[in-house]
């Protein structure tokens, strides 16, 4: 029985996740596997590669043929160099830790100065009338009265 090490696709459309599996060469791409020896998530930045090195070395030693994609992954983890005796260094970079969202929020809040910037903005994109009228409350009342008088229709005219 010919055995291959290849990728088994999982995940949604445009969001692939792969498992590195050992399977009979005649089975379907996503069919039944003999053993799962790793994971590969290409959409993460940097992409996540987890390989059970001991099992990969075992299957390579008994003659399992890796696909081109799996060879590239094994080169990144250094398992291919162990198997083939190649001295080229592996190119794996460790995952960087994700920043805490609460810390990011608090930093942005401190940067903004904890002060509100003005009136609220409505859906139409205009700011509220309170934000347009600035000054003392007496000036605001006069401006509001003038706005009401200008908006009222002239006496004797009908629409």
N, C-alpha and C. Protein backbone atom coordinates (compact mmCIF):
# COMPACT_ATOMS: atom_id res chain seq x y z
N UNK A 1 0.85 -1.18 0.00
CA UNK A 1 0.00 0.00 0.00
C UNK A 1 0.89 1.24 0.00
N UNK A 2 0.68 2.13 -0.96
CA UNK A 2 1.44 3.37 -1.05
C UNK A 2 0.83 4.39 -0.08
N UNK A 3 1.69 4.99 0.72
CA UNK A 3 1.23 5.94 1.74
C UNK A 3 1.77 7.31 1.40
N UNK A 4 0.91 8.31 1.55
CA UNK A 4 1.31 9.69 1.28
C UNK A 4 1.08 10.55 2.52
N UNK A 5 1.91 11.56 2.67
CA UNK A 5 1.69 12.59 3.69
C UNK A 5 1.19 13.80 2.92
N UNK A 6 -0.01 14.25 3.23
CA UNK A 6 -0.59 15.35 2.48
C UNK A 6 -1.50 16.19 3.37
N UNK A 7 -2.06 17.24 2.77
CA UNK A 7 -2.93 18.16 3.51
C UNK A 7 -4.39 17.77 3.33
N UNK A 8 -5.12 17.80 4.43
CA UNK A 8 -6.57 17.55 4.42
C UNK A 8 -7.22 18.89 4.70
N UNK A 9 -8.06 19.36 3.78
CA UNK A 9 -8.63 20.71 3.89
C UNK A 9 -9.86 20.71 4.78
N UNK A 10 -9.89 21.68 5.68
CA UNK A 10 -11.04 21.93 6.55
C UNK A 10 -11.35 23.41 6.49
N UNK A 11 -12.43 23.83 7.14
CA UNK A 11 -12.74 25.26 7.21
C UNK A 11 -13.78 25.68 6.21
N UNK A 12 -14.08 26.98 6.25
CA UNK A 12 -15.11 27.54 5.39
C UNK A 12 -14.50 28.01 4.07
N UNK A 13 -15.38 28.52 3.21
CA UNK A 13 -14.92 29.09 1.94
C UNK A 13 -14.03 30.30 2.26
N UNK A 14 -12.91 30.41 1.60
CA UNK A 14 -11.92 31.47 1.77
C UNK A 14 -11.33 31.53 3.18
N UNK A 15 -11.52 30.49 3.96
CA UNK A 15 -10.92 30.42 5.29
C UNK A 15 -10.41 29.00 5.53
N UNK A 16 -9.39 28.59 4.79
CA UNK A 16 -8.96 27.19 4.89
C UNK A 16 -8.12 26.92 6.13
N UNK A 17 -8.28 25.73 6.66
CA UNK A 17 -7.45 25.18 7.70
C UNK A 17 -7.08 23.78 7.22
N UNK A 18 -5.86 23.41 7.40
CA UNK A 18 -5.42 22.11 6.91
C UNK A 18 -4.90 21.27 8.06
N UNK A 19 -5.06 19.97 7.93
CA UNK A 19 -4.43 19.02 8.82
C UNK A 19 -3.42 18.24 7.98
N UNK A 20 -2.26 18.03 8.53
CA UNK A 20 -1.25 17.24 7.85
C UNK A 20 -1.52 15.79 8.24
N UNK A 21 -1.86 14.97 7.24
CA UNK A 21 -2.29 13.60 7.52
C UNK A 21 -1.47 12.60 6.73
N UNK A 22 -1.44 11.39 7.25
CA UNK A 22 -0.87 10.26 6.55
C UNK A 22 -2.04 9.44 6.05
N UNK A 23 -2.12 9.22 4.74
CA UNK A 23 -3.27 8.52 4.15
C UNK A 23 -2.81 7.63 3.01
N UNK A 24 -3.65 6.67 2.69
CA UNK A 24 -3.43 5.83 1.52
C UNK A 24 -3.51 6.73 0.29
N UNK A 25 -2.66 6.51 -0.68
CA UNK A 25 -2.60 7.39 -1.85
C UNK A 25 -3.86 7.33 -2.70
N UNK A 26 -4.68 6.30 -2.53
CA UNK A 26 -5.88 6.16 -3.34
C UNK A 26 -7.11 6.82 -2.73
N UNK A 27 -7.03 7.31 -1.51
CA UNK A 27 -8.19 7.93 -0.86
C UNK A 27 -8.39 9.35 -1.36
N UNK A 28 -9.58 9.90 -1.07
CA UNK A 28 -9.90 11.27 -1.46
C UNK A 28 -9.04 12.25 -0.68
N UNK A 29 -9.00 13.49 -1.15
CA UNK A 29 -8.21 14.52 -0.49
C UNK A 29 -8.64 14.70 0.96
N UNK A 30 -9.96 14.76 1.18
CA UNK A 30 -10.48 14.97 2.53
C UNK A 30 -11.02 13.67 3.11
N UNK A 31 -10.59 12.55 2.57
CA UNK A 31 -11.10 11.25 3.00
C UNK A 31 -10.45 10.77 4.29
N UNK A 32 -10.65 9.49 4.55
CA UNK A 32 -10.18 8.88 5.79
C UNK A 32 -8.65 8.85 5.82
N UNK A 33 -8.10 9.22 6.97
CA UNK A 33 -6.65 9.26 7.13
C UNK A 33 -6.20 8.16 8.08
N UNK A 34 -4.98 7.72 7.91
CA UNK A 34 -4.40 6.73 8.82
C UNK A 34 -4.05 7.42 10.14
N UNK A 35 -3.43 8.61 10.02
CA UNK A 35 -3.00 9.34 11.21
C UNK A 35 -2.87 10.82 10.89
N UNK A 36 -3.20 11.66 11.87
CA UNK A 36 -2.98 13.10 11.75
C UNK A 36 -1.69 13.43 12.47
N UNK A 37 -0.79 14.13 11.77
CA UNK A 37 0.49 14.43 12.40
C UNK A 37 0.74 15.93 12.53
N UNK A 38 -0.22 16.76 12.15
CA UNK A 38 0.00 18.19 12.31
C UNK A 38 -1.15 19.04 11.84
N UNK A 39 -0.96 20.37 11.98
CA UNK A 39 -1.95 21.37 11.57
C UNK A 39 -1.24 22.47 10.80
N UNK A 40 -2.00 23.11 9.92
CA UNK A 40 -1.48 24.25 9.16
C UNK A 40 -2.62 25.22 8.92
N UNK A 41 -2.48 26.46 9.44
CA UNK A 41 -3.48 27.51 9.27
C UNK A 41 -2.84 28.67 8.51
N UNK A 42 -3.01 28.73 7.19
CA UNK A 42 -2.30 29.73 6.39
C UNK A 42 -2.84 31.15 6.53
N UNK A 43 -4.07 31.34 6.98
CA UNK A 43 -4.66 32.68 7.02
C UNK A 43 -4.20 33.49 8.23
N UNK A 44 -3.67 32.85 9.26
CA UNK A 44 -3.17 33.59 10.41
C UNK A 44 -1.88 34.29 10.01
N UNK A 45 -1.54 35.35 10.73
CA UNK A 45 -0.32 36.08 10.41
C UNK A 45 0.57 36.13 11.63
N UNK A 46 1.69 35.46 11.70
CA UNK A 46 2.22 34.51 10.74
C UNK A 46 1.44 33.20 10.79
N UNK A 47 1.50 32.44 9.72
CA UNK A 47 0.70 31.22 9.63
C UNK A 47 1.12 30.22 10.72
N UNK A 48 0.13 29.47 11.21
CA UNK A 48 0.36 28.50 12.28
C UNK A 48 0.75 27.17 11.66
N UNK A 49 1.89 26.64 12.09
CA UNK A 49 2.35 25.33 11.64
C UNK A 49 2.69 24.52 12.88
N UNK A 50 1.98 23.41 13.07
CA UNK A 50 2.27 22.49 14.16
C UNK A 50 2.47 21.11 13.56
N UNK A 51 3.63 20.51 13.82
CA UNK A 51 3.92 19.18 13.29
C UNK A 51 4.46 18.32 14.42
N UNK A 52 3.93 17.10 14.56
CA UNK A 52 4.47 16.13 15.50
C UNK A 52 5.73 15.56 14.84
N UNK A 53 6.86 16.11 15.22
CA UNK A 53 8.12 15.80 14.54
C UNK A 53 8.47 14.31 14.61
N UNK A 54 8.22 13.70 15.75
CA UNK A 54 8.56 12.29 15.92
C UNK A 54 7.77 11.41 14.95
N UNK A 55 6.47 11.68 14.81
CA UNK A 55 5.63 10.88 13.91
C UNK A 55 5.96 11.17 12.44
N UNK A 56 6.29 12.42 12.13
CA UNK A 56 6.67 12.75 10.76
C UNK A 56 7.95 12.01 10.37
N UNK A 57 8.92 11.98 11.28
CA UNK A 57 10.17 11.26 11.01
C UNK A 57 9.91 9.77 10.83
N UNK A 58 9.01 9.22 11.64
CA UNK A 58 8.70 7.79 11.51
C UNK A 58 8.11 7.50 10.14
N UNK A 59 7.09 8.27 9.74
CA UNK A 59 6.42 7.98 8.46
C UNK A 59 7.35 8.21 7.28
N UNK A 60 8.22 9.20 7.36
CA UNK A 60 9.19 9.40 6.28
C UNK A 60 10.17 8.23 6.22
N UNK A 61 10.55 7.70 7.40
CA UNK A 61 11.52 6.60 7.42
C UNK A 61 10.94 5.29 6.87
N UNK A 62 9.62 5.10 6.98
CA UNK A 62 9.03 3.86 6.45
C UNK A 62 8.58 4.02 5.00
N UNK A 63 8.84 5.17 4.39
CA UNK A 63 8.61 5.31 2.96
C UNK A 63 7.40 6.12 2.54
N UNK A 64 6.76 6.84 3.45
CA UNK A 64 5.62 7.68 3.06
C UNK A 64 6.13 8.83 2.19
N UNK A 65 5.41 9.11 1.11
CA UNK A 65 5.81 10.16 0.17
C UNK A 65 5.06 11.46 0.49
N UNK A 66 5.76 12.52 0.86
CA UNK A 66 5.07 13.79 1.14
C UNK A 66 4.72 14.52 -0.15
N UNK A 67 3.61 15.25 -0.13
CA UNK A 67 3.25 16.09 -1.28
C UNK A 67 4.17 17.31 -1.29
N UNK A 68 4.11 18.08 -2.37
CA UNK A 68 4.98 19.27 -2.49
C UNK A 68 4.70 20.27 -1.37
N UNK A 69 3.42 20.46 -1.06
CA UNK A 69 3.05 21.42 -0.01
C UNK A 69 3.56 20.96 1.35
N UNK A 70 3.49 19.66 1.60
CA UNK A 70 3.95 19.13 2.88
C UNK A 70 5.47 19.21 2.97
N UNK A 71 6.17 18.99 1.86
CA UNK A 71 7.63 19.14 1.87
C UNK A 71 8.00 20.57 2.24
N UNK A 72 7.28 21.55 1.69
CA UNK A 72 7.56 22.95 2.02
C UNK A 72 7.32 23.22 3.51
N UNK A 73 6.26 22.64 4.06
CA UNK A 73 5.97 22.82 5.49
C UNK A 73 7.03 22.13 6.33
N UNK A 74 7.42 20.93 5.95
CA UNK A 74 8.45 20.21 6.71
C UNK A 74 9.80 20.92 6.64
N UNK A 75 10.07 21.61 5.53
CA UNK A 75 11.30 22.40 5.45
C UNK A 75 11.25 23.57 6.42
N UNK A 76 10.07 24.18 6.56
CA UNK A 76 9.92 25.30 7.49
C UNK A 76 10.12 24.87 8.94
N UNK A 77 9.67 23.66 9.27
CA UNK A 77 9.80 23.18 10.65
C UNK A 77 11.15 22.52 10.93
N UNK A 78 11.89 22.19 9.88
CA UNK A 78 13.19 21.56 10.05
C UNK A 78 13.15 20.04 10.00
N UNK A 79 11.96 19.46 9.86
CA UNK A 79 11.84 18.00 9.83
C UNK A 79 12.40 17.42 8.53
N UNK A 80 12.27 18.13 7.44
CA UNK A 80 12.79 17.63 6.17
C UNK A 80 14.32 17.60 6.19
N UNK A 81 14.93 18.60 6.84
CA UNK A 81 16.39 18.62 6.94
C UNK A 81 16.89 17.44 7.78
N UNK A 82 16.14 17.10 8.85
CA UNK A 82 16.54 15.94 9.67
C UNK A 82 16.47 14.66 8.85
N UNK A 83 15.43 14.54 8.04
CA UNK A 83 15.23 13.32 7.26
C UNK A 83 16.25 13.20 6.13
N UNK A 84 16.45 14.29 5.39
CA UNK A 84 17.31 14.22 4.20
C UNK A 84 18.78 14.48 4.51
N UNK A 85 19.09 14.97 5.70
CA UNK A 85 20.48 15.26 6.04
C UNK A 85 20.94 16.60 5.50
N UNK A 86 20.01 17.42 5.04
CA UNK A 86 20.33 18.75 4.51
C UNK A 86 20.75 19.66 5.66
N UNK A 87 21.66 20.58 5.40
CA UNK A 87 22.15 21.46 6.47
C UNK A 87 21.57 22.87 6.40
N UNK A 88 20.63 23.11 5.50
CA UNK A 88 20.03 24.45 5.42
C UNK A 88 19.18 24.71 6.67
N UNK A 89 19.25 25.91 7.21
CA UNK A 89 18.47 26.19 8.41
C UNK A 89 16.97 26.30 8.11
N UNK A 90 16.17 25.96 9.12
CA UNK A 90 14.72 26.08 8.95
C UNK A 90 14.32 27.54 9.14
N UNK A 91 13.17 27.92 8.60
CA UNK A 91 12.76 29.32 8.62
C UNK A 91 11.54 29.60 9.48
N UNK A 92 11.38 28.91 10.60
CA UNK A 92 10.20 29.12 11.42
C UNK A 92 10.41 30.31 12.34
N UNK A 93 9.41 31.17 12.37
CA UNK A 93 9.42 32.30 13.29
C UNK A 93 8.38 32.04 14.36
N UNK A 94 8.68 32.32 15.62
CA UNK A 94 7.69 32.06 16.66
C UNK A 94 6.51 33.02 16.55
N UNK A 95 5.35 32.57 17.01
CA UNK A 95 4.14 33.41 16.99
C UNK A 95 4.33 34.57 17.95
N UNK A 96 3.96 35.77 17.50
CA UNK A 96 4.00 36.89 18.43
C UNK A 96 2.71 36.91 19.23
N UNK A 97 2.81 37.37 20.45
CA UNK A 97 1.67 37.35 21.34
C UNK A 97 0.68 38.45 20.96
N UNK A 98 -0.61 38.13 20.97
CA UNK A 98 -1.62 39.11 20.62
C UNK A 98 -1.76 40.12 21.75
N UNK A 99 -1.92 41.41 21.42
CA UNK A 99 -2.09 42.41 22.47
C UNK A 99 -3.46 42.27 23.13
N UNK A 100 -3.51 42.61 24.41
CA UNK A 100 -4.76 42.55 25.16
C UNK A 100 -5.67 43.68 24.70
N UNK A 101 -6.92 43.38 24.36
CA UNK A 101 -7.84 44.39 23.84
C UNK A 101 -8.16 45.45 24.89
N UNK A 102 -8.23 45.07 26.16
CA UNK A 102 -8.52 46.03 27.21
C UNK A 102 -7.38 47.04 27.33
N UNK A 103 -6.13 46.56 27.23
CA UNK A 103 -4.98 47.47 27.28
C UNK A 103 -4.99 48.43 26.10
N UNK A 104 -5.33 47.94 24.91
CA UNK A 104 -5.40 48.81 23.73
C UNK A 104 -6.48 49.87 23.90
N UNK A 105 -7.63 49.47 24.46
CA UNK A 105 -8.73 50.42 24.68
C UNK A 105 -8.32 51.48 25.68
N UNK A 106 -7.70 51.07 26.79
CA UNK A 106 -7.28 52.04 27.81
C UNK A 106 -6.22 52.99 27.26
N UNK A 107 -5.33 52.50 26.43
CA UNK A 107 -4.31 53.36 25.84
C UNK A 107 -4.94 54.38 24.89
N UNK A 108 -5.91 53.95 24.10
CA UNK A 108 -6.60 54.87 23.19
C UNK A 108 -7.40 55.90 23.96
N UNK A 109 -8.00 55.48 25.07
CA UNK A 109 -8.78 56.39 25.90
C UNK A 109 -7.87 57.44 26.54
N UNK A 110 -6.70 57.03 27.01
CA UNK A 110 -5.75 57.97 27.61
C UNK A 110 -5.22 58.93 26.55
N UNK A 111 -5.01 58.44 25.35
CA UNK A 111 -4.52 59.30 24.26
C UNK A 111 -5.56 60.35 23.87
N UNK A 112 -6.83 59.98 23.95
CA UNK A 112 -7.90 60.91 23.59
C UNK A 112 -8.09 61.98 24.65
N UNK A 113 -7.59 61.75 25.85
CA UNK A 113 -7.67 62.77 26.89
C UNK A 113 -8.91 62.67 27.75
N UNK A 114 -9.66 61.62 27.68
CA UNK A 114 -10.84 61.38 28.49
C UNK A 114 -11.91 62.45 28.36
N UNK A 115 -11.81 63.35 27.42
CA UNK A 115 -12.80 64.42 27.27
C UNK A 115 -13.63 64.17 26.02
N UNK A 116 -14.94 64.41 26.13
CA UNK A 116 -15.75 64.27 24.92
C UNK A 116 -15.40 65.36 23.92
N UNK A 117 -15.51 65.07 22.66
CA UNK A 117 -15.09 66.01 21.62
C UNK A 117 -16.19 66.97 21.21
N UNK A 118 -17.40 66.75 21.58
CA UNK A 118 -18.48 67.64 21.16
C UNK A 118 -19.77 66.89 21.10
N UNK A 119 -20.70 67.42 20.34
CA UNK A 119 -22.01 66.80 20.22
C UNK A 119 -21.95 65.50 19.45
N UNK A 120 -23.01 64.76 19.59
CA UNK A 120 -23.11 63.48 18.90
C UNK A 120 -23.36 63.71 17.42
N UNK A 121 -22.95 62.77 16.62
CA UNK A 121 -23.17 62.83 15.18
C UNK A 121 -24.32 61.90 14.84
N UNK A 122 -25.26 62.41 14.08
CA UNK A 122 -26.42 61.60 13.71
C UNK A 122 -26.12 60.77 12.48
N UNK A 123 -27.08 59.95 12.07
CA UNK A 123 -26.88 59.08 10.91
C UNK A 123 -26.66 59.86 9.63
N UNK A 124 -27.28 61.03 9.53
CA UNK A 124 -27.14 61.81 8.30
C UNK A 124 -25.78 62.48 8.20
N UNK A 125 -24.99 62.42 9.26
CA UNK A 125 -23.65 62.99 9.21
C UNK A 125 -23.58 64.40 9.76
N UNK A 126 -24.70 64.98 10.13
CA UNK A 126 -24.70 66.32 10.70
C UNK A 126 -24.56 66.22 12.21
N UNK A 127 -23.92 67.18 12.78
CA UNK A 127 -23.82 67.18 14.23
C UNK A 127 -25.09 67.76 14.83
N UNK A 128 -25.29 67.50 16.09
CA UNK A 128 -26.50 67.96 16.76
C UNK A 128 -26.49 69.48 16.89
N UNK A 129 -27.66 70.12 17.05
CA UNK A 129 -27.70 71.58 17.15
C UNK A 129 -26.92 72.12 18.33
N UNK A 130 -26.80 71.37 19.41
CA UNK A 130 -26.05 71.85 20.57
C UNK A 130 -24.59 72.08 20.22
N UNK A 131 -24.04 71.28 19.35
CA UNK A 131 -22.64 71.41 18.98
C UNK A 131 -22.42 72.62 18.07
N UNK A 132 -23.44 73.01 17.32
CA UNK A 132 -23.29 74.14 16.41
C UNK A 132 -23.30 75.46 17.15
N UNK A 133 -24.10 75.57 18.21
CA UNK A 133 -24.23 76.82 18.96
C UNK A 133 -23.28 76.76 20.13
N UNK A 134 -22.32 77.68 20.12
CA UNK A 134 -21.37 77.73 21.21
C UNK A 134 -21.45 79.10 21.87
N UNK A 135 -20.99 79.18 23.08
CA UNK A 135 -21.02 80.46 23.79
C UNK A 135 -21.82 80.31 25.07
N UNK A 136 -22.31 81.45 25.60
CA UNK A 136 -23.06 81.42 26.86
C UNK A 136 -24.47 80.93 26.60
N UNK A 137 -25.17 80.50 27.64
CA UNK A 137 -26.55 80.04 27.46
C UNK A 137 -27.47 81.15 26.93
N UNK A 138 -27.22 82.40 27.30
CA UNK A 138 -28.06 83.50 26.82
C UNK A 138 -27.90 83.66 25.30
N UNK A 139 -26.68 83.55 24.82
CA UNK A 139 -26.44 83.65 23.38
C UNK A 139 -27.10 82.48 22.65
N UNK A 140 -27.09 81.33 23.27
CA UNK A 140 -27.70 80.16 22.66
C UNK A 140 -29.21 80.35 22.53
N UNK A 141 -29.84 80.95 23.57
CA UNK A 141 -31.29 81.20 23.52
C UNK A 141 -31.62 82.20 22.42
N UNK A 142 -30.80 83.26 22.29
CA UNK A 142 -31.06 84.26 21.26
C UNK A 142 -30.91 83.64 19.86
N UNK A 143 -29.92 82.81 19.69
CA UNK A 143 -29.71 82.17 18.39
C UNK A 143 -30.85 81.20 18.08
N UNK A 144 -31.34 80.52 19.11
CA UNK A 144 -32.45 79.59 18.90
C UNK A 144 -33.72 80.36 18.54
N UNK A 145 -33.98 81.52 19.22
CA UNK A 145 -35.16 82.33 18.91
C UNK A 145 -35.07 82.86 17.49
N UNK A 146 -33.89 83.29 17.07
CA UNK A 146 -33.72 83.81 15.72
C UNK A 146 -33.96 82.71 14.70
N UNK A 147 -33.52 81.50 15.01
CA UNK A 147 -33.73 80.37 14.10
C UNK A 147 -35.19 80.02 13.98
N UNK A 148 -35.95 80.11 15.06
CA UNK A 148 -37.38 79.81 15.03
C UNK A 148 -38.12 80.88 14.25
N UNK A 149 -37.73 82.16 14.43
CA UNK A 149 -38.39 83.25 13.73
C UNK A 149 -38.13 83.16 12.23
N UNK A 150 -36.94 82.77 11.84
CA UNK A 150 -36.62 82.67 10.42
C UNK A 150 -37.35 81.49 9.78
N UNK A 151 -37.60 80.46 10.56
CA UNK A 151 -38.25 79.27 10.02
C UNK A 151 -39.76 79.43 9.96
N UNK A 152 -40.33 80.38 10.73
CA UNK A 152 -41.79 80.57 10.75
C UNK A 152 -42.23 81.25 9.46
N UNK A 153 -43.40 80.86 8.90
CA UNK A 153 -43.87 81.49 7.66
C UNK A 153 -44.35 82.91 7.92
N UNK A 154 -44.27 83.73 6.92
CA UNK A 154 -44.71 85.12 7.05
C UNK A 154 -46.23 85.14 7.21
N UNK A 155 -46.77 86.08 8.05
CA UNK A 155 -48.21 86.12 8.24
C UNK A 155 -48.91 86.50 6.94
N UNK A 156 -50.01 85.86 6.71
CA UNK A 156 -50.83 86.17 5.55
C UNK A 156 -50.49 85.34 4.33
N UNK A 157 -49.41 84.60 4.37
CA UNK A 157 -49.06 83.75 3.22
C UNK A 157 -49.46 82.32 3.52
N UNK A 158 -50.10 81.71 2.58
CA UNK A 158 -50.49 80.30 2.74
C UNK A 158 -49.64 79.45 1.81
N UNK A 159 -49.41 78.30 2.22
CA UNK A 159 -48.59 77.40 1.40
C UNK A 159 -49.42 76.60 0.50
